[in-house]
């Protein structure tokens, strides 16, 4: 074995090592991008599902098939805070007044996920067992406005005069790749339920 053969072998080892390093980094980058893109798709789907349910319920605030059961003298929003609301509606369109309660659980409640900010968003109908699922909600913020467009300062208990509501909802991944959490945000500006106005 000659000197040039040894140089050829050493050169092949060095080039092979460089190619292996490039392949390893490429595989790591592909894994990261795949994880992040699939995570972003999941949070977009979670956000759309949550927003659809919230929007459906909020548009029915004060509605009842038998409208005499919710007269104008009753405040249909019985409690309103920055991340909690209780209101009256006919959710099943059966002529029976229902009470719906939305609220955000504490961050300490979800210890089985890596995201320290995700929380449970609860939906309670008629004081039944709260229904929820972990969709990665990190923010559920409500802002209330009166007929003049002025902001009402919560908490509001049995307060008349709420005409529109701004809903802010943020959803993040429950798990992350290298501690990077994807985020999606939805805002419904001035959602108005026509039943909040005087009949």
N, C-alpha and C. Protein backbone atom coordinates (compact mmCIF):
# COMPACT_ATOMS: atom_id res chain seq x y z
N UNK A 1 0.83 -1.16 0.00
CA UNK A 1 0.00 0.00 0.00
C UNK A 1 0.89 1.23 0.00
N UNK A 2 0.59 2.12 -0.99
CA UNK A 2 1.43 3.30 -1.14
C UNK A 2 0.86 4.50 -0.43
N UNK A 3 1.66 5.55 -0.48
CA UNK A 3 1.29 6.80 0.17
C UNK A 3 0.02 7.39 -0.44
N UNK A 4 -0.12 7.32 -1.76
CA UNK A 4 -1.31 7.87 -2.42
C UNK A 4 -2.57 7.08 -2.05
N UNK A 5 -2.42 5.80 -1.82
CA UNK A 5 -3.58 5.00 -1.43
C UNK A 5 -4.07 5.43 -0.05
N UNK A 6 -3.14 5.68 0.86
CA UNK A 6 -3.51 6.14 2.19
C UNK A 6 -4.19 7.51 2.11
N UNK A 7 -3.66 8.40 1.26
CA UNK A 7 -4.28 9.72 1.06
C UNK A 7 -5.69 9.58 0.47
N UNK A 8 -5.87 8.65 -0.46
CA UNK A 8 -7.19 8.41 -1.05
C UNK A 8 -8.19 7.93 0.01
N UNK A 9 -7.72 7.01 0.88
CA UNK A 9 -8.60 6.49 1.93
C UNK A 9 -8.97 7.60 2.91
N UNK A 10 -7.98 8.39 3.35
CA UNK A 10 -8.25 9.50 4.27
C UNK A 10 -9.18 10.53 3.64
N UNK A 11 -8.96 10.83 2.36
CA UNK A 11 -9.84 11.77 1.65
C UNK A 11 -11.26 11.24 1.55
N UNK A 12 -11.41 9.95 1.30
CA UNK A 12 -12.73 9.33 1.22
C UNK A 12 -13.44 9.38 2.58
N UNK A 13 -12.68 9.14 3.66
CA UNK A 13 -13.27 9.18 5.00
C UNK A 13 -13.74 10.61 5.33
N UNK A 14 -12.91 11.60 5.00
CA UNK A 14 -13.29 12.99 5.28
C UNK A 14 -14.51 13.40 4.46
N UNK A 15 -14.53 13.10 3.17
CA UNK A 15 -15.67 13.44 2.31
C UNK A 15 -16.92 12.68 2.76
N UNK A 16 -16.75 11.41 3.10
CA UNK A 16 -17.88 10.62 3.60
C UNK A 16 -18.44 11.19 4.89
N UNK A 17 -17.54 11.64 5.79
CA UNK A 17 -17.98 12.25 7.05
C UNK A 17 -18.75 13.54 6.81
N UNK A 18 -18.27 14.35 5.87
CA UNK A 18 -18.97 15.60 5.53
C UNK A 18 -20.36 15.29 4.97
N UNK A 19 -20.42 14.32 4.06
CA UNK A 19 -21.71 13.94 3.48
C UNK A 19 -22.66 13.38 4.54
N UNK A 20 -22.14 12.60 5.49
CA UNK A 20 -22.98 12.06 6.56
C UNK A 20 -23.51 13.19 7.46
N UNK A 21 -22.65 14.18 7.75
CA UNK A 21 -23.08 15.32 8.57
C UNK A 21 -24.17 16.11 7.86
N UNK A 22 -24.01 16.34 6.56
CA UNK A 22 -25.02 17.06 5.78
C UNK A 22 -26.33 16.28 5.77
N UNK A 23 -26.24 14.97 5.56
CA UNK A 23 -27.45 14.14 5.53
C UNK A 23 -28.15 14.15 6.89
N UNK A 24 -27.37 14.10 7.98
CA UNK A 24 -27.96 14.12 9.32
C UNK A 24 -28.67 15.44 9.59
N UNK A 25 -28.01 16.55 9.23
CA UNK A 25 -28.63 17.87 9.44
C UNK A 25 -29.87 18.04 8.56
N UNK A 26 -29.82 17.54 7.35
CA UNK A 26 -30.97 17.62 6.46
C UNK A 26 -32.14 16.82 7.03
N UNK A 27 -31.85 15.65 7.55
CA UNK A 27 -32.91 14.83 8.13
C UNK A 27 -33.52 15.52 9.35
N UNK A 28 -32.69 16.14 10.18
CA UNK A 28 -33.17 16.86 11.35
C UNK A 28 -34.04 18.05 10.94
N UNK A 29 -33.63 18.77 9.90
CA UNK A 29 -34.40 19.91 9.40
C UNK A 29 -35.74 19.45 8.83
N UNK A 30 -35.72 18.36 8.08
CA UNK A 30 -36.97 17.83 7.51
C UNK A 30 -37.91 17.39 8.62
N UNK A 31 -37.39 16.75 9.66
CA UNK A 31 -38.21 16.33 10.79
C UNK A 31 -38.83 17.54 11.49
N UNK A 32 -38.02 18.57 11.72
CA UNK A 32 -38.52 19.79 12.37
C UNK A 32 -39.60 20.46 11.54
N UNK A 33 -39.36 20.60 10.24
CA UNK A 33 -40.35 21.26 9.37
C UNK A 33 -41.64 20.45 9.30
N UNK A 34 -41.53 19.13 9.20
CA UNK A 34 -42.72 18.28 9.15
C UNK A 34 -43.51 18.40 10.44
N UNK A 35 -42.83 18.37 11.57
CA UNK A 35 -43.49 18.48 12.87
C UNK A 35 -44.18 19.84 13.00
N UNK A 36 -43.47 20.91 12.64
CA UNK A 36 -44.04 22.26 12.76
C UNK A 36 -45.23 22.46 11.83
N UNK A 37 -45.12 21.99 10.58
CA UNK A 37 -46.23 22.16 9.64
C UNK A 37 -47.47 21.36 10.06
N UNK A 38 -47.25 20.13 10.51
CA UNK A 38 -48.40 19.34 10.96
C UNK A 38 -48.98 19.94 12.24
N UNK A 39 -48.12 20.48 13.11
CA UNK A 39 -48.59 21.15 14.32
C UNK A 39 -49.41 22.39 14.00
N UNK A 40 -48.97 23.16 12.99
CA UNK A 40 -49.71 24.35 12.59
C UNK A 40 -51.07 23.98 12.00
N UNK A 41 -51.11 22.90 11.25
CA UNK A 41 -52.39 22.43 10.70
C UNK A 41 -53.34 22.03 11.83
N UNK A 42 -52.81 21.34 12.83
CA UNK A 42 -53.65 20.91 13.96
C UNK A 42 -54.18 22.11 14.72
N UNK A 43 -53.34 23.12 14.98
CA UNK A 43 -53.85 24.27 15.75
C UNK A 43 -54.84 25.09 14.92
N UNK A 44 -54.65 25.14 13.60
CA UNK A 44 -55.64 25.83 12.76
C UNK A 44 -56.99 25.11 12.82
N UNK A 45 -56.97 23.79 12.79
CA UNK A 45 -58.21 23.01 12.90
C UNK A 45 -58.84 23.17 14.28
N UNK A 46 -58.02 23.14 15.33
CA UNK A 46 -58.54 23.33 16.69
C UNK A 46 -59.15 24.71 16.86
N UNK A 47 -58.48 25.72 16.30
CA UNK A 47 -58.98 27.09 16.39
C UNK A 47 -60.31 27.23 15.65
N UNK A 48 -60.38 26.66 14.46
CA UNK A 48 -61.62 26.76 13.66
C UNK A 48 -62.77 26.05 14.37
N UNK A 49 -62.51 24.88 14.95
CA UNK A 49 -63.56 24.14 15.66
C UNK A 49 -64.05 24.92 16.87
N UNK A 50 -63.13 25.42 17.68
CA UNK A 50 -63.50 26.17 18.87
C UNK A 50 -64.24 27.45 18.51
N UNK A 51 -63.74 28.18 17.51
CA UNK A 51 -64.37 29.44 17.10
C UNK A 51 -65.77 29.20 16.57
N UNK A 52 -65.98 28.10 15.84
CA UNK A 52 -67.30 27.80 15.29
C UNK A 52 -68.32 27.57 16.40
N UNK A 53 -67.93 26.83 17.43
CA UNK A 53 -68.84 26.55 18.55
C UNK A 53 -69.15 27.84 19.32
N UNK A 54 -68.11 28.61 19.61
CA UNK A 54 -68.30 29.86 20.36
C UNK A 54 -69.18 30.82 19.57
N UNK A 55 -68.90 30.97 18.30
CA UNK A 55 -69.68 31.90 17.48
C UNK A 55 -71.14 31.48 17.39
N UNK A 56 -71.39 30.19 17.25
CA UNK A 56 -72.77 29.69 17.20
C UNK A 56 -73.51 30.02 18.49
N UNK A 57 -72.87 29.73 19.63
CA UNK A 57 -73.52 29.98 20.92
C UNK A 57 -73.73 31.47 21.17
N UNK A 58 -72.72 32.28 20.87
CA UNK A 58 -72.81 33.71 21.17
C UNK A 58 -73.84 34.41 20.27
N UNK A 59 -74.03 33.94 19.07
CA UNK A 59 -75.03 34.56 18.21
C UNK A 59 -76.45 34.27 18.69
N UNK A 60 -76.59 33.23 19.52
CA UNK A 60 -77.91 32.88 20.05
C UNK A 60 -78.18 33.48 21.43
N UNK A 61 -77.31 34.35 21.91
CA UNK A 61 -77.54 34.97 23.22
C UNK A 61 -78.90 35.67 23.21
N UNK A 62 -79.73 35.33 24.18
CA UNK A 62 -81.03 35.97 24.31
C UNK A 62 -82.12 35.40 23.41
N UNK A 63 -81.78 34.41 22.59
CA UNK A 63 -82.78 33.82 21.69
C UNK A 63 -83.56 32.72 22.40
N UNK A 64 -84.86 32.65 22.14
CA UNK A 64 -85.68 31.53 22.59
C UNK A 64 -86.79 31.35 21.57
N UNK A 65 -87.05 30.11 21.21
CA UNK A 65 -88.12 29.82 20.26
C UNK A 65 -89.45 30.39 20.76
N UNK A 66 -89.68 30.27 22.06
CA UNK A 66 -90.83 30.91 22.69
C UNK A 66 -90.33 32.22 23.30
N UNK A 67 -90.39 33.30 22.54
CA UNK A 67 -89.75 34.55 22.93
C UNK A 67 -90.35 35.16 24.19
N UNK A 68 -91.54 34.74 24.59
CA UNK A 68 -92.14 35.25 25.83
C UNK A 68 -91.38 34.79 27.07
N UNK A 69 -90.60 33.72 26.95
CA UNK A 69 -89.86 33.20 28.10
C UNK A 69 -88.64 34.06 28.43
N UNK A 70 -88.15 34.84 27.47
CA UNK A 70 -87.05 35.76 27.73
C UNK A 70 -87.54 37.17 27.38
N UNK A 71 -88.32 37.78 28.28
CA UNK A 71 -88.81 39.13 27.98
C UNK A 71 -87.68 40.14 28.06
N UNK A 72 -87.94 41.33 27.59
CA UNK A 72 -86.92 42.38 27.55
C UNK A 72 -86.45 42.78 28.94
N UNK A 73 -87.26 42.56 29.96
CA UNK A 73 -86.91 43.01 31.30
C UNK A 73 -85.83 42.14 31.95
N UNK A 74 -85.54 40.98 31.40
CA UNK A 74 -84.52 40.09 31.96
C UNK A 74 -83.18 40.38 31.29
N UNK A 75 -82.16 40.50 32.07
CA UNK A 75 -80.81 40.64 31.52
C UNK A 75 -80.35 39.27 31.04
N UNK A 76 -80.18 39.12 29.73
CA UNK A 76 -79.85 37.80 29.18
C UNK A 76 -78.41 37.41 29.46
N UNK A 77 -77.54 38.39 29.67
CA UNK A 77 -76.17 38.08 30.09
C UNK A 77 -76.16 38.23 31.60
N UNK A 78 -76.10 37.11 32.30
CA UNK A 78 -76.22 37.14 33.76
C UNK A 78 -74.89 37.42 34.45
N UNK A 79 -73.77 37.10 33.79
CA UNK A 79 -72.45 37.40 34.34
C UNK A 79 -71.49 37.58 33.19
N UNK A 80 -70.66 38.61 33.27
CA UNK A 80 -69.70 38.89 32.21
C UNK A 80 -68.38 39.34 32.82
N UNK A 81 -67.33 38.62 32.52
CA UNK A 81 -65.99 38.98 32.97
C UNK A 81 -65.04 38.89 31.78
N UNK A 82 -63.78 39.19 31.99
CA UNK A 82 -62.83 39.23 30.88
C UNK A 82 -62.56 37.86 30.26
N UNK A 83 -62.74 36.77 31.03
CA UNK A 83 -62.54 35.43 30.46
C UNK A 83 -63.65 34.46 30.89
N UNK A 84 -64.82 35.03 31.20
CA UNK A 84 -65.93 34.20 31.65
C UNK A 84 -67.24 34.91 31.30
N UNK A 85 -68.23 34.12 30.89
CA UNK A 85 -69.54 34.69 30.57
C UNK A 85 -70.62 33.65 30.84
N UNK A 86 -71.77 34.14 31.35
CA UNK A 86 -72.97 33.30 31.52
C UNK A 86 -74.11 34.03 30.83
N UNK A 87 -74.87 33.30 30.03
CA UNK A 87 -75.99 33.93 29.35
C UNK A 87 -77.13 32.95 29.14
N UNK A 88 -78.30 33.51 28.82
CA UNK A 88 -79.51 32.72 28.58
C UNK A 88 -79.76 32.60 27.09
N UNK A 89 -80.20 31.43 26.67
CA UNK A 89 -80.51 31.18 25.27
C UNK A 89 -81.33 29.89 25.17
N UNK A 90 -81.78 29.61 23.99
CA UNK A 90 -82.48 28.36 23.69
C UNK A 90 -81.56 27.56 22.77
N UNK A 91 -80.63 26.84 23.37
CA UNK A 91 -79.55 26.23 22.59
C UNK A 91 -80.05 25.12 21.67
N UNK A 92 -81.09 24.38 22.09
CA UNK A 92 -81.58 23.27 21.28
C UNK A 92 -82.77 23.65 20.41
N UNK A 93 -83.16 24.93 20.45
CA UNK A 93 -84.30 25.42 19.66
C UNK A 93 -85.58 24.64 19.98
N UNK A 94 -85.77 24.35 21.28
CA UNK A 94 -86.93 23.58 21.72
C UNK A 94 -87.91 24.38 22.56
N UNK A 95 -87.69 25.69 22.63
CA UNK A 95 -88.59 26.55 23.39
C UNK A 95 -88.34 26.54 24.88
N UNK A 96 -87.21 25.99 25.32
CA UNK A 96 -86.84 25.95 26.73
C UNK A 96 -85.61 26.84 26.92
N UNK A 97 -85.66 27.71 27.93
CA UNK A 97 -84.53 28.60 28.19
C UNK A 97 -83.39 27.82 28.83
N UNK A 98 -82.21 27.94 28.21
CA UNK A 98 -81.00 27.29 28.72
C UNK A 98 -80.03 28.36 29.22
N UNK A 99 -79.18 27.95 30.13
CA UNK A 99 -78.11 28.81 30.61
C UNK A 99 -76.78 28.23 30.12
N UNK A 100 -75.96 29.07 29.51
CA UNK A 100 -74.64 28.62 29.04
C UNK A 100 -73.57 29.42 29.77
N UNK A 101 -72.56 28.72 30.19
CA UNK A 101 -71.46 29.31 30.96
C UNK A 101 -70.14 28.92 30.30
N UNK A 102 -69.38 29.90 29.86
CA UNK A 102 -68.04 29.68 29.32
C UNK A 102 -67.03 30.24 30.33
N UNK A 103 -65.98 29.47 30.60
CA UNK A 103 -64.91 30.00 31.44
C UNK A 103 -63.61 29.25 31.16
N UNK A 104 -62.52 29.89 31.52
CA UNK A 104 -61.18 29.36 31.28
C UNK A 104 -60.66 28.75 32.58
N UNK A 105 -60.16 27.53 32.50
CA UNK A 105 -59.60 26.86 33.67
C UNK A 105 -58.20 27.39 33.98
N UNK A 106 -57.65 27.02 35.14
CA UNK A 106 -56.31 27.48 35.51
C UNK A 106 -55.22 26.76 34.72
N UNK A 107 -54.06 27.40 34.60
CA UNK A 107 -52.94 26.79 33.86
C UNK A 107 -52.40 25.57 34.60
N UNK A 108 -52.56 25.52 35.90
CA UNK A 108 -52.04 24.39 36.68
C UNK A 108 -52.85 23.11 36.46
N UNK A 109 -53.98 23.23 35.79
CA UNK A 109 -54.86 22.08 35.58
C UNK A 109 -54.30 21.08 34.56
N UNK A 110 -53.58 21.57 33.57
CA UNK A 110 -53.05 20.70 32.52
C UNK A 110 -51.57 20.41 32.78
N UNK A 111 -51.31 19.38 33.53
CA UNK A 111 -49.93 19.01 33.84
C UNK A 111 -49.39 17.95 32.88
N UNK A 112 -50.27 17.38 32.05
CA UNK A 112 -49.84 16.30 31.15
C UNK A 112 -49.41 16.82 29.79
N UNK A 113 -49.37 18.13 29.57
CA UNK A 113 -48.90 18.68 28.30
C UNK A 113 -47.62 19.47 28.54
N UNK A 114 -46.83 19.59 27.50
CA UNK A 114 -45.56 20.30 27.63
C UNK A 114 -45.75 21.82 27.64
N UNK A 115 -46.80 22.30 27.02
CA UNK A 115 -47.03 23.74 26.94
C UNK A 115 -47.47 24.26 28.32
N UNK A 116 -46.72 25.20 28.89
CA UNK A 116 -47.10 25.71 30.22
C UNK A 116 -48.26 26.70 30.19
N UNK A 117 -48.66 27.15 28.99
CA UNK A 117 -49.69 28.18 28.88
C UNK A 117 -51.08 27.64 28.50
N UNK A 118 -51.19 26.40 28.05
CA UNK A 118 -52.50 25.92 27.59
C UNK A 118 -53.43 25.67 28.76
N UNK A 119 -54.71 25.91 28.51
CA UNK A 119 -55.74 25.83 29.54
C UNK A 119 -56.99 25.19 28.95
N UNK A 120 -57.83 24.70 29.82
CA UNK A 120 -59.11 24.15 29.39
C UNK A 120 -60.13 25.28 29.24
N UNK A 121 -60.86 25.27 28.14
CA UNK A 121 -61.97 26.19 27.96
C UNK A 121 -63.24 25.39 28.23
N UNK A 122 -63.96 25.76 29.28
CA UNK A 122 -65.14 25.01 29.69
C UNK A 122 -66.41 25.61 29.09
N UNK A 123 -67.33 24.72 28.76
CA UNK A 123 -68.66 25.10 28.29
C UNK A 123 -69.66 24.30 29.11
N UNK A 124 -70.47 25.00 29.90
CA UNK A 124 -71.42 24.35 30.79
C UNK A 124 -72.82 24.76 30.35
N UNK A 125 -73.67 23.79 30.10
CA UNK A 125 -75.06 24.05 29.72
C UNK A 125 -75.95 23.61 30.89
N UNK A 126 -76.73 24.57 31.41
CA UNK A 126 -77.71 24.29 32.48
C UNK A 126 -77.12 23.60 33.70
N UNK A 127 -75.98 24.03 34.15
CA UNK A 127 -75.33 23.48 35.35
C UNK A 127 -75.05 21.98 35.25
N UNK A 128 -74.92 21.47 34.02
CA UNK A 128 -74.53 20.07 33.84
C UNK A 128 -73.04 19.94 34.08
N UNK A 129 -72.52 18.76 33.89
CA UNK A 129 -71.08 18.54 34.03
C UNK A 129 -70.37 19.36 32.95
N UNK A 130 -69.35 20.14 33.31
CA UNK A 130 -68.64 20.95 32.31
C UNK A 130 -68.05 20.08 31.20
N UNK A 131 -68.20 20.57 29.96
CA UNK A 131 -67.65 19.85 28.81
C UNK A 131 -66.46 20.63 28.29
N UNK A 132 -65.41 19.91 28.00
CA UNK A 132 -64.20 20.55 27.49
C UNK A 132 -63.34 19.51 26.79
N UNK A 133 -62.36 20.00 26.08
CA UNK A 133 -61.32 19.14 25.52
C UNK A 133 -60.08 20.00 25.40
N UNK A 134 -58.94 19.36 25.44
CA UNK A 134 -57.69 20.14 25.39
C UNK A 134 -57.35 20.42 23.93
N UNK A 135 -57.73 21.61 23.48
CA UNK A 135 -57.42 22.03 22.11
C UNK A 135 -56.29 23.05 22.08
N UNK A 136 -55.60 23.24 23.19
CA UNK A 136 -54.47 24.15 23.23
C UNK A 136 -54.84 25.60 23.41
N UNK A 137 -56.00 25.89 23.99
CA UNK A 137 -56.41 27.28 24.19
C UNK A 137 -55.50 27.92 25.23
N UNK A 138 -54.91 29.06 24.88
CA UNK A 138 -54.07 29.80 25.81
C UNK A 138 -54.67 31.15 26.17
N UNK A 139 -55.63 31.62 25.37
CA UNK A 139 -56.29 32.89 25.67
C UNK A 139 -57.75 32.84 25.24
N UNK A 140 -58.62 33.28 26.13
CA UNK A 140 -60.04 33.48 25.84
C UNK A 140 -60.41 34.77 26.55
N UNK A 141 -60.41 35.86 25.78
CA UNK A 141 -60.62 37.17 26.36
C UNK A 141 -61.85 37.81 25.73
N UNK A 142 -62.70 38.38 26.58
CA UNK A 142 -63.93 39.02 26.13
C UNK A 142 -63.91 40.49 26.49
N UNK A 143 -64.36 41.32 25.54
CA UNK A 143 -64.48 42.77 25.76
C UNK A 143 -65.92 43.13 25.44
N UNK A 144 -66.57 43.90 26.31
CA UNK A 144 -67.99 44.21 26.18
C UNK A 144 -68.18 45.68 25.83
N UNK A 145 -69.18 45.94 24.95
CA UNK A 145 -69.47 47.30 24.50
C UNK A 145 -70.95 47.61 24.67
N UNK A 146 -71.23 48.89 24.95
CA UNK A 146 -72.63 49.32 25.05
C UNK A 146 -73.09 49.88 23.71
N UNK A 147 -74.29 50.45 23.68
CA UNK A 147 -74.89 50.94 22.43
C UNK A 147 -74.09 52.09 21.81
N UNK A 148 -73.34 52.83 22.63
CA UNK A 148 -72.54 53.95 22.11
C UNK A 148 -71.15 53.51 21.68
N UNK A 149 -70.84 52.23 21.86
CA UNK A 149 -69.52 51.72 21.49
C UNK A 149 -68.49 51.88 22.58
N UNK A 150 -68.92 52.29 23.76
CA UNK A 150 -68.00 52.43 24.89
C UNK A 150 -67.75 51.08 25.53
N UNK A 151 -66.54 50.90 26.01
CA UNK A 151 -66.17 49.65 26.67
C UNK A 151 -66.75 49.60 28.07
N UNK A 152 -67.37 48.47 28.40
CA UNK A 152 -67.90 48.25 29.75
C UNK A 152 -66.83 47.50 30.55
N UNK A 153 -66.59 47.94 31.76
CA UNK A 153 -65.54 47.36 32.59
C UNK A 153 -66.08 46.17 33.37
N UNK A 154 -65.54 44.96 33.14
CA UNK A 154 -65.99 43.79 33.88
C UNK A 154 -65.38 43.77 35.28
N UNK A 155 -65.94 42.98 36.19
CA UNK A 155 -67.04 42.04 36.01
C UNK A 155 -68.39 42.75 36.02
N UNK A 156 -69.32 42.23 35.22
CA UNK A 156 -70.66 42.76 35.10
C UNK A 156 -71.64 41.68 35.54
N UNK A 157 -72.42 41.95 36.56
CA UNK A 157 -73.39 40.97 37.06
C UNK A 157 -74.79 41.48 36.78
N UNK A 158 -75.55 40.73 35.98
CA UNK A 158 -76.91 41.11 35.64
C UNK A 158 -76.99 42.48 34.99
N UNK A 159 -75.94 42.87 34.32
CA UNK A 159 -75.83 44.21 33.73
C UNK A 159 -76.57 44.27 32.42
N UNK A 160 -77.46 45.24 32.31
CA UNK A 160 -78.10 45.49 31.02
C UNK A 160 -77.21 46.43 30.24
N UNK A 161 -77.37 46.43 28.96
CA UNK A 161 -76.65 47.40 28.15
C UNK A 161 -75.52 46.83 27.33
N UNK A 162 -75.20 45.55 27.47
CA UNK A 162 -74.17 44.95 26.61
C UNK A 162 -74.82 44.73 25.24
N UNK A 163 -74.28 45.38 24.24
CA UNK A 163 -74.83 45.29 22.89
C UNK A 163 -73.94 44.44 21.98
N UNK A 164 -72.63 44.52 22.17
CA UNK A 164 -71.72 43.73 21.33
C UNK A 164 -70.55 43.24 22.18
N UNK A 165 -69.93 42.18 21.68
CA UNK A 165 -68.84 41.53 22.40
C UNK A 165 -67.68 41.29 21.44
N UNK A 166 -66.48 41.61 21.88
CA UNK A 166 -65.28 41.26 21.13
C UNK A 166 -64.71 39.98 21.75
N UNK A 167 -64.43 39.01 20.90
CA UNK A 167 -63.92 37.72 21.37
C UNK A 167 -62.50 37.53 20.84
N UNK A 168 -61.56 37.29 21.74
CA UNK A 168 -60.18 37.01 21.37
C UNK A 168 -59.83 35.60 21.81
N UNK A 169 -59.37 34.80 20.88
CA UNK A 169 -59.08 33.40 21.16
C UNK A 169 -57.72 33.05 20.57
N UNK A 170 -56.84 32.49 21.39
CA UNK A 170 -55.52 32.06 20.94
C UNK A 170 -55.36 30.58 21.24
N UNK A 171 -54.84 29.84 20.27
CA UNK A 171 -54.59 28.41 20.41
C UNK A 171 -53.12 28.15 20.08
N UNK A 172 -52.47 27.34 20.91
CA UNK A 172 -51.07 26.94 20.68
C UNK A 172 -50.97 25.42 20.69
N UNK A 173 -49.84 24.93 20.18
CA UNK A 173 -49.58 23.48 20.26
C UNK A 173 -49.49 23.06 21.71
N UNK A 174 -49.97 21.87 21.99
CA UNK A 174 -49.83 21.34 23.35
C UNK A 174 -48.43 20.73 23.54
N UNK A 175 -47.80 20.34 22.47
CA UNK A 175 -46.43 19.82 22.49
C UNK A 175 -45.60 20.63 21.50
N UNK A 176 -44.30 20.65 21.65
CA UNK A 176 -43.46 21.48 20.78
C UNK A 176 -42.21 20.75 20.36
N UNK A 177 -41.64 21.21 19.26
CA UNK A 177 -40.35 20.71 18.80
C UNK A 177 -39.31 21.74 19.21
N UNK A 178 -38.38 21.37 20.06
CA UNK A 178 -37.35 22.27 20.57
C UNK A 178 -37.94 23.49 21.27
N UNK A 179 -39.02 23.29 22.04
CA UNK A 179 -39.66 24.34 22.84
C UNK A 179 -40.21 25.51 22.01
N UNK A 180 -40.51 25.27 20.73
CA UNK A 180 -41.11 26.30 19.89
C UNK A 180 -42.57 25.92 19.67
N UNK A 181 -43.48 26.74 20.18
CA UNK A 181 -44.91 26.47 20.10
C UNK A 181 -45.52 27.33 18.99
N UNK A 182 -46.19 26.67 18.06
CA UNK A 182 -46.91 27.42 17.02
C UNK A 182 -48.17 28.01 17.64
N UNK A 183 -48.62 29.14 17.07
CA UNK A 183 -49.74 29.87 17.65
C UNK A 183 -50.68 30.32 16.55
N UNK A 184 -51.98 30.29 16.83
CA UNK A 184 -53.00 30.81 15.92
C UNK A 184 -53.95 31.68 16.74
N UNK A 185 -54.41 32.77 16.13
CA UNK A 185 -55.22 33.76 16.84
C UNK A 185 -56.48 34.04 16.05
N UNK A 186 -57.61 34.16 16.75
CA UNK A 186 -58.89 34.51 16.12
C UNK A 186 -59.53 35.62 16.92
N UNK A 187 -60.02 36.62 16.23
CA UNK A 187 -60.71 37.72 16.89
C UNK A 187 -62.01 37.99 16.16
N UNK A 188 -63.08 38.01 16.92
CA UNK A 188 -64.37 38.42 16.40
C UNK A 188 -64.63 39.80 16.96
N UNK A 189 -64.54 40.80 16.12
CA UNK A 189 -64.70 42.18 16.56
C UNK A 189 -66.18 42.54 16.56
N UNK A 190 -66.63 42.97 17.70
CA UNK A 190 -68.00 43.47 17.86
C UNK A 190 -69.06 42.47 17.38
N UNK A 191 -69.01 41.27 17.89
CA UNK A 191 -70.07 40.31 17.59
C UNK A 191 -71.37 40.78 18.22
N UNK A 192 -72.39 40.85 17.42
CA UNK A 192 -73.68 41.34 17.89
C UNK A 192 -74.71 40.23 17.77
N UNK A 193 -75.36 39.93 18.87
CA UNK A 193 -76.53 39.04 18.84
C UNK A 193 -77.74 39.95 18.75
N UNK A 194 -78.57 39.77 17.74
CA UNK A 194 -79.70 40.68 17.56
C UNK A 194 -80.68 40.63 18.71
N UNK A 195 -80.59 39.59 19.54
CA UNK A 195 -81.48 39.48 20.69
C UNK A 195 -81.00 40.28 21.91
N UNK A 196 -79.80 40.87 21.81
CA UNK A 196 -79.34 41.73 22.89
C UNK A 196 -80.00 43.11 22.84
N UNK A 197 -80.52 43.47 21.70
CA UNK A 197 -81.19 44.76 21.58
C UNK A 197 -82.62 44.64 22.05
N UNK A 198 -83.25 45.77 22.35
CA UNK A 198 -84.63 45.76 22.82
C UNK A 198 -85.55 45.24 21.74
N UNK A 199 -86.53 44.45 22.14
CA UNK A 199 -87.48 43.90 21.18
C UNK A 199 -88.57 44.90 20.89
